[in-house]
Structures are given as C-alpha cells and as structure tokens.
Amino acid sequence: MGKIVKIQIVFYSMYGHIYRMAEAVKEGAKEVKDVDVGLYQVPELVPQDILEKSGAAGAMKAFAHIPVAKVEQLSDADAIIFGMPTRFGNMCAQMRNFLDQTGELWAKGGLIGKVGSVFTSTATQHGGQETTIISSIITLLHHGMIIVGVPYSESRLMAINEMSGGSPYGASTITGPDGSRMPSENELAIARFQGRHVAEITKSLRH
C-alpha cells in the first residue's frame, strides 16, 4: 500500500445542485488507488427564516449529515476541491466568508504546494460559470496552491448536442432560473473526471 493522498472537497450548496456535483467529484477521486476523500460544507450565513421561505431549508436536509468545514483542517489535505454556486459572476458569500478566515493559514504558508481546483453552478448558460471559477482561483494562487482544471482530454467538454456546463477551468452545472434542473449525466461525468484528475495529479506530486 502506498502513501495515502488526502483530498478534501469543500462546498456550499443551497438547493442541492453543488452537493450532487460534489458527490460526483468524490466518486471520481475515489477511483484512484490510495486516495482518501472527505466531503465538507462551509457554514451557512442566511437566516433560517429566509431559508424556510425560499424552500432551501427543505433541500438542505438531503446533505445535513455532511460535516461543517473548519479552516484549520485545510492544511491536513494534499488537495482541496472547492465547489460553490455563483452569485453575480463571483463565488457565493458563504464561501467567500470561509476563505476570508484563512488569513492565519496564509501567513503560515499552510496551503503552499497543495493542489487546488474549483467547480460551480449557475442559473443560466452564461451566468458566470467561468468568471466564478477564475476569480476563485485567484484566492487559491495567493495561498500558493497548484491549480488543476479540466483538460480537453475530457471529450465531454466538447459536447454541442446538448446544454451542458463544464469548461477547462472546472466542472459546472446549469440549474435553470427556478432551480428545477439538476446536473445532467454529461455534467456529472465532467465532475467525476475532475475529481479523478485532481487525485491522479496530487498522487504523482506526493510520490
């Protein structure tokens, strides 16, 4: 048995789309031998009454069992894959708040040399999937992380016969304006590829 590579998937999900993508990323990463994958969600900031009115509280019950991420745990990972919905072309406030608490970790260089990757969701095809991932990568670069995306060897990126998320920057899904569209098989396949690709690269760097 070789050295165990530790991967953390840290996500925020409101209606379950990013959670489903996170599960697919985990599935892909676990296909690689000697890889341990943990799934964590960042703390909620929206008041409970608003979550109830929006219907999010009910959706969140599906992943209420996922432990809440702690900033100090990030340094234990060899790779961290972040997932979050976009908000006006940027990461959501919940993820921004979580990452804004990593100042002490940054000062210690706690994430330098670790692999970082990002996946996201938007309501529409052109709602900021790429800008969200690219702007998120800036934070990871400030931490000294090694960025991994989704190369075009994943042929599903080239799909033009259906509406689908996914870009060289990372996996993504389109939820629809009312949130009724869940990740397609093509989008989930790209997410699994991303998890596997991150795991393989991280393993090669650690051995």
N, C-alpha and C. Protein backbone atom coordinates (compact mmCIF):
# COMPACT_ATOMS: atom_id res chain seq x y z
N MET A 1 0.83 -1.19 0.00
CA MET A 1 0.00 0.00 0.00
C MET A 1 0.87 1.24 0.00
N GLY A 2 0.59 2.18 -0.91
CA GLY A 2 1.39 3.39 -1.00
C GLY A 2 0.95 4.45 -0.01
N LYS A 3 1.57 5.58 -0.09
CA LYS A 3 1.21 6.69 0.77
C LYS A 3 -0.20 7.16 0.46
N ILE A 4 -1.00 7.38 1.49
CA ILE A 4 -2.37 7.83 1.31
C ILE A 4 -2.40 9.32 0.98
N VAL A 5 -3.05 9.65 -0.11
CA VAL A 5 -3.23 11.04 -0.52
C VAL A 5 -4.57 11.52 0.02
N LYS A 6 -4.56 12.65 0.70
CA LYS A 6 -5.77 13.18 1.33
C LYS A 6 -6.36 14.32 0.49
N ILE A 7 -7.61 14.14 0.09
CA ILE A 7 -8.30 15.17 -0.67
C ILE A 7 -9.54 15.62 0.09
N GLN A 8 -9.71 16.92 0.19
CA GLN A 8 -10.91 17.48 0.81
C GLN A 8 -11.74 18.18 -0.26
N ILE A 9 -13.03 17.89 -0.27
CA ILE A 9 -13.97 18.61 -1.13
C ILE A 9 -14.77 19.52 -0.22
N VAL A 10 -14.57 20.82 -0.37
CA VAL A 10 -15.21 21.81 0.49
C VAL A 10 -16.23 22.58 -0.36
N PHE A 11 -17.50 22.52 0.02
CA PHE A 11 -18.52 23.09 -0.85
C PHE A 11 -19.57 23.88 -0.08
N TYR A 12 -20.32 24.67 -0.84
CA TYR A 12 -21.54 25.28 -0.31
C TYR A 12 -22.66 24.96 -1.30
N SER A 13 -23.76 24.49 -0.78
CA SER A 13 -24.91 24.19 -1.62
C SER A 13 -26.17 24.67 -0.93
N MET A 14 -27.07 25.25 -1.70
CA MET A 14 -28.33 25.73 -1.13
C MET A 14 -29.50 24.83 -1.52
N TYR A 15 -29.56 24.42 -2.78
CA TYR A 15 -30.68 23.61 -3.25
C TYR A 15 -30.27 22.21 -3.68
N GLY A 16 -29.00 21.85 -3.47
CA GLY A 16 -28.56 20.50 -3.73
C GLY A 16 -27.78 20.28 -5.00
N HIS A 17 -27.72 21.27 -5.89
CA HIS A 17 -27.01 21.10 -7.15
C HIS A 17 -25.51 20.90 -6.93
N ILE A 18 -24.92 21.78 -6.14
CA ILE A 18 -23.47 21.68 -5.87
C ILE A 18 -23.17 20.44 -5.03
N TYR A 19 -24.07 20.07 -4.14
CA TYR A 19 -23.87 18.84 -3.37
C TYR A 19 -23.80 17.64 -4.29
N ARG A 20 -24.70 17.58 -5.27
CA ARG A 20 -24.68 16.45 -6.21
C ARG A 20 -23.40 16.46 -7.02
N MET A 21 -22.94 17.63 -7.43
CA MET A 21 -21.68 17.74 -8.15
C MET A 21 -20.51 17.31 -7.26
N ALA A 22 -20.56 17.70 -5.99
CA ALA A 22 -19.50 17.33 -5.05
C ALA A 22 -19.43 15.82 -4.88
N GLU A 23 -20.59 15.18 -4.85
CA GLU A 23 -20.61 13.71 -4.76
C GLU A 23 -19.94 13.08 -5.98
N ALA A 24 -20.21 13.66 -7.15
CA ALA A 24 -19.61 13.13 -8.38
C ALA A 24 -18.10 13.34 -8.38
N VAL A 25 -17.65 14.51 -7.93
CA VAL A 25 -16.22 14.77 -7.81
C VAL A 25 -15.58 13.75 -6.88
N LYS A 26 -16.25 13.47 -5.78
CA LYS A 26 -15.75 12.47 -4.82
C LYS A 26 -15.67 11.10 -5.45
N GLU A 27 -16.71 10.72 -6.20
CA GLU A 27 -16.72 9.43 -6.87
C GLU A 27 -15.51 9.27 -7.79
N GLY A 28 -15.22 10.33 -8.54
CA GLY A 28 -14.08 10.28 -9.45
C GLY A 28 -12.76 10.17 -8.71
N ALA A 29 -12.61 10.94 -7.64
CA ALA A 29 -11.36 10.92 -6.88
C ALA A 29 -11.12 9.56 -6.24
N LYS A 30 -12.19 8.90 -5.80
CA LYS A 30 -12.05 7.61 -5.13
C LYS A 30 -11.72 6.47 -6.08
N GLU A 31 -11.79 6.75 -7.37
CA GLU A 31 -11.39 5.73 -8.35
C GLU A 31 -9.87 5.53 -8.35
N VAL A 32 -9.16 6.50 -7.80
CA VAL A 32 -7.70 6.43 -7.76
C VAL A 32 -7.25 5.72 -6.49
N LYS A 33 -6.35 4.78 -6.64
CA LYS A 33 -5.87 3.98 -5.51
C LYS A 33 -5.13 4.84 -4.49
N ASP A 34 -5.27 4.48 -3.22
CA ASP A 34 -4.57 5.12 -2.10
C ASP A 34 -4.96 6.60 -1.95
N VAL A 35 -6.22 6.90 -2.21
CA VAL A 35 -6.72 8.26 -2.05
C VAL A 35 -7.85 8.26 -1.03
N ASP A 36 -7.75 9.13 -0.04
CA ASP A 36 -8.79 9.31 0.97
C ASP A 36 -9.50 10.63 0.68
N VAL A 37 -10.83 10.59 0.56
CA VAL A 37 -11.59 11.78 0.19
C VAL A 37 -12.60 12.13 1.28
N GLY A 38 -12.55 13.38 1.73
CA GLY A 38 -13.50 13.88 2.71
C GLY A 38 -14.38 14.96 2.12
N LEU A 39 -15.66 14.95 2.48
CA LEU A 39 -16.63 15.92 1.97
C LEU A 39 -17.06 16.82 3.12
N TYR A 40 -16.98 18.14 2.91
CA TYR A 40 -17.32 19.11 3.95
C TYR A 40 -18.10 20.28 3.35
N GLN A 41 -18.99 20.87 4.15
CA GLN A 41 -19.70 22.04 3.69
C GLN A 41 -19.37 23.24 4.58
N VAL A 42 -19.31 24.42 3.97
CA VAL A 42 -18.99 25.62 4.73
C VAL A 42 -20.23 26.10 5.47
N PRO A 43 -20.06 26.88 6.54
CA PRO A 43 -21.20 27.33 7.34
C PRO A 43 -22.17 28.23 6.56
N GLU A 44 -23.43 28.14 6.93
CA GLU A 44 -24.47 28.96 6.33
C GLU A 44 -24.47 30.36 6.95
N LEU A 45 -24.81 31.35 6.15
CA LEU A 45 -24.91 32.73 6.62
C LEU A 45 -26.34 33.27 6.54
N VAL A 46 -27.16 32.64 5.73
CA VAL A 46 -28.53 33.12 5.52
C VAL A 46 -29.40 32.78 6.73
N PRO A 47 -30.18 33.73 7.25
CA PRO A 47 -31.06 33.46 8.39
C PRO A 47 -32.03 32.31 8.10
N GLN A 48 -32.35 31.53 9.12
CA GLN A 48 -33.19 30.35 8.96
C GLN A 48 -34.56 30.68 8.37
N ASP A 49 -35.15 31.81 8.76
CA ASP A 49 -36.47 32.15 8.24
C ASP A 49 -36.45 32.39 6.74
N ILE A 50 -35.34 32.95 6.23
CA ILE A 50 -35.21 33.17 4.79
C ILE A 50 -35.03 31.84 4.07
N LEU A 51 -34.26 30.94 4.68
CA LEU A 51 -34.08 29.61 4.09
C LEU A 51 -35.42 28.87 4.01
N GLU A 52 -36.24 29.04 5.03
CA GLU A 52 -37.56 28.40 5.04
C GLU A 52 -38.44 28.96 3.93
N LYS A 53 -38.48 30.28 3.82
CA LYS A 53 -39.33 30.93 2.83
C LYS A 53 -38.91 30.61 1.40
N SER A 54 -37.62 30.44 1.19
CA SER A 54 -37.11 30.18 -0.16
C SER A 54 -37.18 28.72 -0.56
N GLY A 55 -37.49 27.86 0.39
CA GLY A 55 -37.53 26.43 0.12
C GLY A 55 -36.18 25.75 0.25
N ALA A 56 -35.14 26.53 0.57
CA ALA A 56 -33.80 25.96 0.68
C ALA A 56 -33.66 25.06 1.90
N ALA A 57 -34.35 25.40 2.97
CA ALA A 57 -34.22 24.62 4.20
C ALA A 57 -34.59 23.15 3.96
N GLY A 58 -35.64 22.93 3.19
CA GLY A 58 -36.05 21.57 2.89
C GLY A 58 -35.03 20.84 2.04
N ALA A 59 -34.48 21.54 1.05
CA ALA A 59 -33.48 20.94 0.17
C ALA A 59 -32.21 20.60 0.93
N MET A 60 -31.86 21.41 1.91
CA MET A 60 -30.63 21.22 2.66
C MET A 60 -30.66 19.98 3.56
N LYS A 61 -31.84 19.46 3.83
CA LYS A 61 -31.93 18.27 4.67
C LYS A 61 -31.23 17.08 4.03
N ALA A 62 -31.14 17.08 2.70
CA ALA A 62 -30.51 15.97 1.98
C ALA A 62 -29.02 15.86 2.26
N PHE A 63 -28.39 16.98 2.64
CA PHE A 63 -26.95 16.93 2.93
C PHE A 63 -26.63 17.49 4.31
N ALA A 64 -27.61 17.46 5.21
CA ALA A 64 -27.39 17.95 6.57
C ALA A 64 -26.38 17.10 7.34
N HIS A 65 -26.18 15.87 6.86
CA HIS A 65 -25.24 14.96 7.54
C HIS A 65 -23.78 15.26 7.21
N ILE A 66 -23.55 16.09 6.21
CA ILE A 66 -22.16 16.42 5.83
C ILE A 66 -21.56 17.35 6.88
N PRO A 67 -20.40 17.02 7.43
CA PRO A 67 -19.80 17.86 8.47
C PRO A 67 -19.42 19.25 7.97
N VAL A 68 -19.43 20.19 8.88
CA VAL A 68 -19.08 21.57 8.55
C VAL A 68 -17.56 21.73 8.51
N ALA A 69 -17.08 22.37 7.47
CA ALA A 69 -15.63 22.56 7.30
C ALA A 69 -15.08 23.53 8.32
N LYS A 70 -13.86 23.29 8.75
CA LYS A 70 -13.14 24.18 9.65
C LYS A 70 -11.87 24.64 8.94
N VAL A 71 -11.56 25.91 9.08
CA VAL A 71 -10.40 26.47 8.40
C VAL A 71 -9.12 25.71 8.74
N GLU A 72 -8.96 25.35 10.00
CA GLU A 72 -7.72 24.71 10.44
C GLU A 72 -7.52 23.32 9.82
N GLN A 73 -8.58 22.70 9.30
CA GLN A 73 -8.44 21.36 8.74
C GLN A 73 -7.83 21.39 7.34
N LEU A 74 -7.86 22.54 6.68
CA LEU A 74 -7.41 22.62 5.29
C LEU A 74 -5.96 22.21 5.12
N SER A 75 -5.13 22.54 6.10
CA SER A 75 -3.71 22.24 5.98
C SER A 75 -3.42 20.75 6.06
N ASP A 76 -4.42 19.95 6.47
CA ASP A 76 -4.23 18.50 6.55
C ASP A 76 -4.34 17.82 5.19
N ALA A 77 -4.90 18.55 4.21
CA ALA A 77 -5.16 17.96 2.90
C ALA A 77 -3.96 18.09 1.97
N ASP A 78 -3.86 17.19 1.01
CA ASP A 78 -2.88 17.31 -0.06
C ASP A 78 -3.49 18.07 -1.24
N ALA A 79 -4.82 18.00 -1.34
CA ALA A 79 -5.54 18.72 -2.38
C ALA A 79 -6.89 19.15 -1.83
N ILE A 80 -7.36 20.31 -2.28
CA ILE A 80 -8.67 20.80 -1.87
C ILE A 80 -9.44 21.20 -3.12
N ILE A 81 -10.64 20.65 -3.26
CA ILE A 81 -11.50 20.98 -4.39
C ILE A 81 -12.69 21.75 -3.84
N PHE A 82 -12.83 23.00 -4.27
CA PHE A 82 -13.88 23.87 -3.76
C PHE A 82 -15.05 23.90 -4.73
N GLY A 83 -16.26 23.83 -4.19
CA GLY A 83 -17.45 23.91 -5.03
C GLY A 83 -18.44 24.91 -4.47
N MET A 84 -18.96 25.78 -5.32
CA MET A 84 -19.91 26.78 -4.86
C MET A 84 -20.74 27.32 -6.02
N PRO A 85 -21.98 27.74 -5.74
CA PRO A 85 -22.76 28.40 -6.77
C PRO A 85 -22.23 29.81 -7.02
N THR A 86 -22.51 30.32 -8.20
CA THR A 86 -22.10 31.69 -8.49
C THR A 86 -23.12 32.69 -7.96
N ARG A 87 -22.65 33.84 -7.60
CA ARG A 87 -23.50 34.96 -7.22
C ARG A 87 -23.00 36.17 -7.99
N PHE A 88 -23.75 36.57 -8.99
CA PHE A 88 -23.38 37.73 -9.81
C PHE A 88 -21.97 37.57 -10.40
N GLY A 89 -21.67 36.37 -10.86
CA GLY A 89 -20.40 36.12 -11.52
C GLY A 89 -19.22 35.89 -10.60
N ASN A 90 -19.48 35.76 -9.31
CA ASN A 90 -18.41 35.51 -8.33
C ASN A 90 -18.85 34.39 -7.39
N MET A 91 -17.93 33.94 -6.53
CA MET A 91 -18.28 32.92 -5.56
C MET A 91 -19.33 33.46 -4.60
N CYS A 92 -20.13 32.57 -4.04
CA CYS A 92 -21.18 32.97 -3.11
C CYS A 92 -20.56 33.49 -1.80
N ALA A 93 -21.34 34.25 -1.05
CA ALA A 93 -20.85 34.88 0.18
C ALA A 93 -20.40 33.86 1.21
N GLN A 94 -21.07 32.72 1.26
CA GLN A 94 -20.71 31.71 2.26
C GLN A 94 -19.28 31.21 2.05
N MET A 95 -18.90 30.96 0.80
CA MET A 95 -17.54 30.50 0.51
C MET A 95 -16.55 31.64 0.69
N ARG A 96 -16.94 32.84 0.28
CA ARG A 96 -16.05 34.00 0.44
C ARG A 96 -15.75 34.23 1.92
N ASN A 97 -16.78 34.13 2.76
CA ASN A 97 -16.61 34.31 4.19
C ASN A 97 -15.67 33.26 4.77
N PHE A 98 -15.84 32.02 4.31
CA PHE A 98 -14.98 30.93 4.80
C PHE A 98 -13.53 31.18 4.41
N LEU A 99 -13.30 31.51 3.16
CA LEU A 99 -11.93 31.72 2.70
C LEU A 99 -11.31 32.99 3.29
N ASP A 100 -12.14 33.96 3.61
CA ASP A 100 -11.62 35.17 4.23
C ASP A 100 -11.11 34.93 5.64
N GLN A 101 -11.42 33.78 6.20
CA GLN A 101 -10.94 33.43 7.54
C GLN A 101 -9.62 32.66 7.50
N THR A 102 -9.04 32.53 6.31
CA THR A 102 -7.82 31.74 6.17
C THR A 102 -6.55 32.59 6.25
N GLY A 103 -6.67 33.80 6.77
CA GLY A 103 -5.51 34.70 6.85
C GLY A 103 -4.35 34.12 7.63
N GLU A 104 -4.64 33.52 8.77
CA GLU A 104 -3.57 32.93 9.59
C GLU A 104 -2.91 31.77 8.86
N LEU A 105 -3.73 30.99 8.16
CA LEU A 105 -3.21 29.88 7.37
C LEU A 105 -2.31 30.40 6.26
N TRP A 106 -2.73 31.50 5.63
CA TRP A 106 -1.93 32.14 4.58
C TRP A 106 -0.59 32.62 5.14
N ALA A 107 -0.63 33.25 6.33
CA ALA A 107 0.58 33.78 6.94
C ALA A 107 1.60 32.69 7.25
N LYS A 108 1.10 31.49 7.53
CA LYS A 108 1.98 30.37 7.84
C LYS A 108 2.39 29.58 6.59
N GLY A 109 1.80 29.95 5.44
CA GLY A 109 2.08 29.20 4.22
C GLY A 109 1.50 27.81 4.25
N GLY A 110 0.38 27.66 4.95
CA GLY A 110 -0.20 26.34 5.19
C GLY A 110 -0.73 25.61 3.97
N LEU A 111 -0.99 26.35 2.90
CA LEU A 111 -1.53 25.70 1.69
C LEU A 111 -0.56 25.73 0.51
N ILE A 112 0.64 26.24 0.74
CA ILE A 112 1.62 26.31 -0.34
C ILE A 112 1.96 24.91 -0.86
N GLY A 113 1.87 24.76 -2.17
CA GLY A 113 2.22 23.48 -2.79
C GLY A 113 1.11 22.46 -2.82
N LYS A 114 -0.03 22.79 -2.23
CA LYS A 114 -1.17 21.87 -2.28
C LYS A 114 -1.95 22.11 -3.57
N VAL A 115 -2.61 21.08 -4.04
CA VAL A 115 -3.39 21.19 -5.28
C VAL A 115 -4.75 21.82 -4.97
N GLY A 116 -5.16 22.75 -5.83
CA GLY A 116 -6.46 23.39 -5.68
C GLY A 116 -7.25 23.31 -6.96
N SER A 117 -8.57 23.14 -6.85
CA SER A 117 -9.44 23.05 -8.01
C SER A 117 -10.81 23.56 -7.63
N VAL A 118 -11.63 23.96 -8.62
CA VAL A 118 -12.91 24.61 -8.35
C VAL A 118 -13.99 24.11 -9.31
N PHE A 119 -15.21 23.94 -8.81
CA PHE A 119 -16.37 23.68 -9.66
C PHE A 119 -17.52 24.56 -9.19
N THR A 120 -18.52 24.76 -10.05
CA THR A 120 -19.55 25.75 -9.73
C THR A 120 -20.88 25.42 -10.39
N SER A 121 -21.86 26.31 -10.18
CA SER A 121 -23.16 26.20 -10.84
C SER A 121 -23.68 27.61 -11.10
N THR A 122 -24.54 27.72 -12.13
CA THR A 122 -25.22 28.98 -12.41
C THR A 122 -26.66 28.66 -12.81
N ALA A 123 -27.50 29.69 -12.77
CA ALA A 123 -28.90 29.50 -13.15
C ALA A 123 -29.05 29.42 -14.67
N THR A 124 -28.18 30.12 -15.40
CA THR A 124 -28.27 30.17 -16.86
C THR A 124 -26.96 29.74 -17.50
N GLN A 125 -26.98 29.52 -18.81
CA GLN A 125 -25.79 29.08 -19.53
C GLN A 125 -24.64 30.06 -19.41
N HIS A 126 -24.95 31.34 -19.41
CA HIS A 126 -23.91 32.37 -19.41
C HIS A 126 -23.97 33.23 -18.15
N GLY A 127 -24.27 32.57 -17.03
CA GLY A 127 -24.47 33.28 -15.78
C GLY A 127 -23.22 33.46 -14.94
N GLY A 128 -22.04 33.19 -15.51
CA GLY A 128 -20.81 33.45 -14.76
C GLY A 128 -20.06 32.22 -14.29
N GLN A 129 -20.27 31.08 -14.95
CA GLN A 129 -19.53 29.88 -14.54
C GLN A 129 -18.02 30.08 -14.61
N GLU A 130 -17.57 30.60 -15.73
CA GLU A 130 -16.12 30.75 -15.92
C GLU A 130 -15.56 31.87 -15.04
N THR A 131 -16.29 32.98 -14.91
CA THR A 131 -15.77 34.07 -14.07
C THR A 131 -15.73 33.67 -12.61
N THR A 132 -16.69 32.88 -12.18
CA THR A 132 -16.69 32.42 -10.79
C THR A 132 -15.48 31.54 -10.50
N ILE A 133 -15.21 30.60 -11.40
CA ILE A 133 -14.06 29.71 -11.18
C ILE A 133 -12.75 30.48 -11.28
N ILE A 134 -12.62 31.32 -12.28
CA ILE A 134 -11.36 32.06 -12.46
C ILE A 134 -11.11 33.00 -11.29
N SER A 135 -12.14 33.71 -10.84
CA SER A 135 -11.94 34.63 -9.72
C SER A 135 -11.66 33.86 -8.43
N SER A 136 -12.19 32.67 -8.30
CA SER A 136 -11.90 31.85 -7.13
C SER A 136 -10.46 31.37 -7.14
N ILE A 137 -9.97 31.06 -8.33
CA ILE A 137 -8.59 30.60 -8.47
C ILE A 137 -7.60 31.66 -7.98
N ILE A 138 -7.94 32.93 -8.11
CA ILE A 138 -7.06 34.00 -7.64
C ILE A 138 -6.75 33.83 -6.16
N THR A 139 -7.78 33.52 -5.37
CA THR A 139 -7.58 33.29 -3.93
C THR A 139 -6.65 32.11 -3.70
N LEU A 140 -6.84 31.05 -4.46
CA LEU A 140 -6.00 29.86 -4.28
C LEU A 140 -4.55 30.14 -4.66
N LEU A 141 -4.35 30.96 -5.68
CA LEU A 141 -2.99 31.33 -6.06
C LEU A 141 -2.31 32.16 -4.97
N HIS A 142 -3.06 33.01 -4.32
CA HIS A 142 -2.50 33.79 -3.21
C HIS A 142 -2.05 32.87 -2.08
N HIS A 143 -2.68 31.71 -1.98
CA HIS A 143 -2.28 30.72 -0.97
C HIS A 143 -1.12 29.85 -1.46
N GLY A 144 -0.70 30.05 -2.69
CA GLY A 144 0.41 29.25 -3.22
C GLY A 144 0.02 27.87 -3.69
N MET A 145 -1.27 27.69 -3.99
CA MET A 145 -1.73 26.37 -4.41
C MET A 145 -1.42 26.12 -5.89
N ILE A 146 -1.36 24.86 -6.25
CA ILE A 146 -1.13 24.43 -7.63
C ILE A 146 -2.50 24.17 -8.26
N ILE A 147 -2.86 24.92 -9.28
CA ILE A 147 -4.20 24.88 -9.83
C ILE A 147 -4.35 23.77 -10.88
N VAL A 148 -5.43 23.02 -10.75
CA VAL A 148 -5.76 21.97 -11.71
C VAL A 148 -7.18 22.19 -12.22
N GLY A 149 -7.34 22.16 -13.53
CA GLY A 149 -8.65 22.32 -14.14
C GLY A 149 -9.09 21.04 -14.81
N VAL A 150 -9.76 21.18 -15.95
CA VAL A 150 -10.25 20.03 -16.71
C VAL A 150 -9.75 20.14 -18.14
N PRO A 151 -8.71 19.41 -18.50
CA PRO A 151 -8.16 19.50 -19.86
C PRO A 151 -9.12 18.93 -20.89
N TYR A 152 -8.89 19.28 -22.15
CA TYR A 152 -9.77 18.83 -23.22
C TYR A 152 -9.61 17.35 -23.55
N SER A 153 -8.76 16.65 -22.82
CA SER A 153 -8.74 15.20 -22.95
C SER A 153 -10.07 14.62 -22.44
N GLU A 154 -10.78 15.41 -21.64
CA GLU A 154 -12.14 15.06 -21.25
C GLU A 154 -13.05 15.52 -22.38
N SER A 155 -13.35 14.61 -23.28
CA SER A 155 -14.06 14.95 -24.51
C SER A 155 -15.46 15.50 -24.29
N ARG A 156 -16.01 15.28 -23.10
CA ARG A 156 -17.36 15.76 -22.83
C ARG A 156 -17.43 17.29 -22.79
N LEU A 157 -16.27 17.94 -22.65
CA LEU A 157 -16.24 19.40 -22.72
C LEU A 157 -16.65 19.89 -24.10
N MET A 158 -16.50 19.02 -25.09
CA MET A 158 -16.76 19.40 -26.47
C MET A 158 -18.20 19.15 -26.90
N ALA A 159 -19.03 18.70 -25.96
CA ALA A 159 -20.41 18.38 -26.30
C ALA A 159 -21.16 19.62 -26.78
N ILE A 160 -21.75 19.52 -27.98
CA ILE A 160 -22.51 20.64 -28.53
C ILE A 160 -23.94 20.22 -28.88
N ASN A 161 -24.27 18.98 -28.60
CA ASN A 161 -25.61 18.49 -28.92
C ASN A 161 -26.59 18.62 -27.76
N GLU A 162 -26.13 19.22 -26.67
CA GLU A 162 -27.00 19.43 -25.52
C GLU A 162 -26.49 20.61 -24.69
N MET A 163 -27.38 21.20 -23.90
CA MET A 163 -26.97 22.26 -22.99
C MET A 163 -26.19 21.62 -21.85
N SER A 164 -24.98 22.10 -21.62
CA SER A 164 -24.15 21.49 -20.59
C SER A 164 -23.14 22.48 -20.04
N GLY A 165 -22.87 22.36 -18.75
CA GLY A 165 -21.79 23.11 -18.14
C GLY A 165 -20.48 22.38 -18.37
N GLY A 166 -19.41 22.93 -17.81
CA GLY A 166 -18.09 22.32 -17.96
C GLY A 166 -17.20 23.14 -18.85
N SER A 167 -16.00 23.43 -18.38
CA SER A 167 -15.02 24.22 -19.14
C SER A 167 -13.63 23.78 -18.72
N PRO A 168 -12.58 24.28 -19.40
CA PRO A 168 -11.22 23.93 -18.99
C PRO A 168 -10.89 24.39 -17.56
N TYR A 169 -11.71 25.28 -17.03
CA TYR A 169 -11.45 25.83 -15.70
C TYR A 169 -12.00 24.93 -14.60
N GLY A 170 -13.03 24.15 -14.93
CA GLY A 170 -13.61 23.26 -13.94
C GLY A 170 -15.00 22.82 -14.33
N ALA A 171 -15.50 21.82 -13.63
CA ALA A 171 -16.85 21.32 -13.87
C ALA A 171 -17.88 22.36 -13.44
N SER A 172 -19.04 22.30 -14.07
CA SER A 172 -20.12 23.22 -13.68
C SER A 172 -21.44 22.64 -14.14
N THR A 173 -22.52 23.16 -13.56
CA THR A 173 -23.86 22.73 -13.93
C THR A 173 -24.76 23.94 -14.06
N ILE A 174 -25.83 23.78 -14.82
CA ILE A 174 -26.81 24.84 -15.03
C ILE A 174 -28.08 24.42 -14.32
N THR A 175 -28.57 25.25 -13.41
CA THR A 175 -29.70 24.87 -12.56
C THR A 175 -31.05 25.26 -13.13
N GLY A 176 -31.06 26.24 -14.06
CA GLY A 176 -32.32 26.78 -14.53
C GLY A 176 -32.76 27.91 -13.61
N PRO A 177 -33.51 28.89 -14.12
CA PRO A 177 -33.92 30.05 -13.32
C PRO A 177 -34.68 29.69 -12.04
N ASP A 178 -35.44 28.57 -12.09
CA ASP A 178 -36.20 28.17 -10.91
C ASP A 178 -35.52 27.05 -10.12
N GLY A 179 -34.32 26.69 -10.54
CA GLY A 179 -33.55 25.67 -9.82
C GLY A 179 -34.03 24.25 -10.05
N SER A 180 -34.92 24.05 -11.00
CA SER A 180 -35.51 22.72 -11.19
C SER A 180 -34.61 21.76 -11.96
N ARG A 181 -33.62 22.28 -12.68
CA ARG A 181 -32.74 21.41 -13.47
C ARG A 181 -31.58 20.92 -12.60
N MET A 182 -31.50 19.61 -12.43
CA MET A 182 -30.40 19.03 -11.67
C MET A 182 -29.26 18.68 -12.64
N PRO A 183 -28.05 18.44 -12.13
CA PRO A 183 -26.91 18.15 -13.01
C PRO A 183 -27.20 17.00 -13.97
N SER A 184 -26.84 17.21 -15.23
CA SER A 184 -27.03 16.19 -16.26
C SER A 184 -25.93 15.14 -16.14
N GLU A 185 -26.09 14.04 -16.84
CA GLU A 185 -25.07 12.99 -16.81
C GLU A 185 -23.77 13.50 -17.40
N ASN A 186 -23.85 14.36 -18.41
CA ASN A 186 -22.64 14.92 -19.00
C ASN A 186 -21.89 15.77 -17.99
N GLU A 187 -22.63 16.58 -17.26
CA GLU A 187 -22.01 17.45 -16.25
C GLU A 187 -21.43 16.64 -15.10
N LEU A 188 -22.14 15.59 -14.69
CA LEU A 188 -21.64 14.73 -13.62
C LEU A 188 -20.40 13.97 -14.07
N ALA A 189 -20.36 13.58 -15.33
CA ALA A 189 -19.19 12.88 -15.86
C ALA A 189 -17.96 13.79 -15.85
N ILE A 190 -18.16 15.06 -16.18
CA ILE A 190 -17.05 16.02 -16.13
C ILE A 190 -16.59 16.21 -14.69
N ALA A 191 -17.54 16.26 -13.77
CA ALA A 191 -17.20 16.40 -12.35
C ALA A 191 -16.40 15.19 -11.86
N ARG A 192 -16.83 13.99 -12.27
CA ARG A 192 -16.07 12.79 -11.88
C ARG A 192 -14.66 12.83 -12.47
N PHE A 193 -14.57 13.26 -13.71
CA PHE A 193 -13.25 13.39 -14.34
C PHE A 193 -12.38 14.36 -13.54
N GLN A 194 -12.95 15.50 -13.13
CA GLN A 194 -12.18 16.48 -12.37
C GLN A 194 -11.65 15.89 -11.07
N GLY A 195 -12.51 15.17 -10.36
CA GLY A 195 -12.07 14.53 -9.12
C GLY A 195 -10.95 13.54 -9.36
N ARG A 196 -11.10 12.72 -10.40
CA ARG A 196 -10.08 11.72 -10.73
C ARG A 196 -8.79 12.39 -11.17
N HIS A 197 -8.91 13.44 -11.98
CA HIS A 197 -7.74 14.14 -12.50
C HIS A 197 -6.96 14.81 -11.36
N VAL A 198 -7.67 15.44 -10.45
CA VAL A 198 -7.01 16.06 -9.29
C VAL A 198 -6.31 15.00 -8.46
N ALA A 199 -6.97 13.87 -8.24
CA ALA A 199 -6.39 12.80 -7.43
C ALA A 199 -5.12 12.25 -8.08
N GLU A 200 -5.17 12.04 -9.38
CA GLU A 200 -4.00 11.48 -10.08
C GLU A 200 -2.83 12.45 -10.04
N ILE A 201 -3.08 13.72 -10.27
CA ILE A 201 -2.00 14.71 -10.24
C ILE A 201 -1.44 14.86 -8.84
N THR A 202 -2.32 14.92 -7.86
CA THR A 202 -1.87 15.05 -6.47
C THR A 202 -1.02 13.86 -6.06
N LYS A 203 -1.46 12.68 -6.46
CA LYS A 203 -0.71 11.46 -6.13
C LYS A 203 0.67 11.48 -6.78
N SER A 204 0.75 11.95 -8.02
CA SER A 204 2.04 11.99 -8.69
C SER A 204 2.98 13.00 -8.04
N LEU A 205 2.42 14.07 -7.48
CA LEU A 205 3.23 15.09 -6.82
C LEU A 205 3.71 14.63 -5.45
N ARG A 206 2.96 13.74 -4.84
CA ARG A 206 3.26 13.32 -3.45
C ARG A 206 4.09 12.06 -3.40
N HIS A 207 4.31 11.39 -4.54
CA HIS A 207 5.09 10.14 -4.55
C HIS A 207 6.42 10.31 -5.28
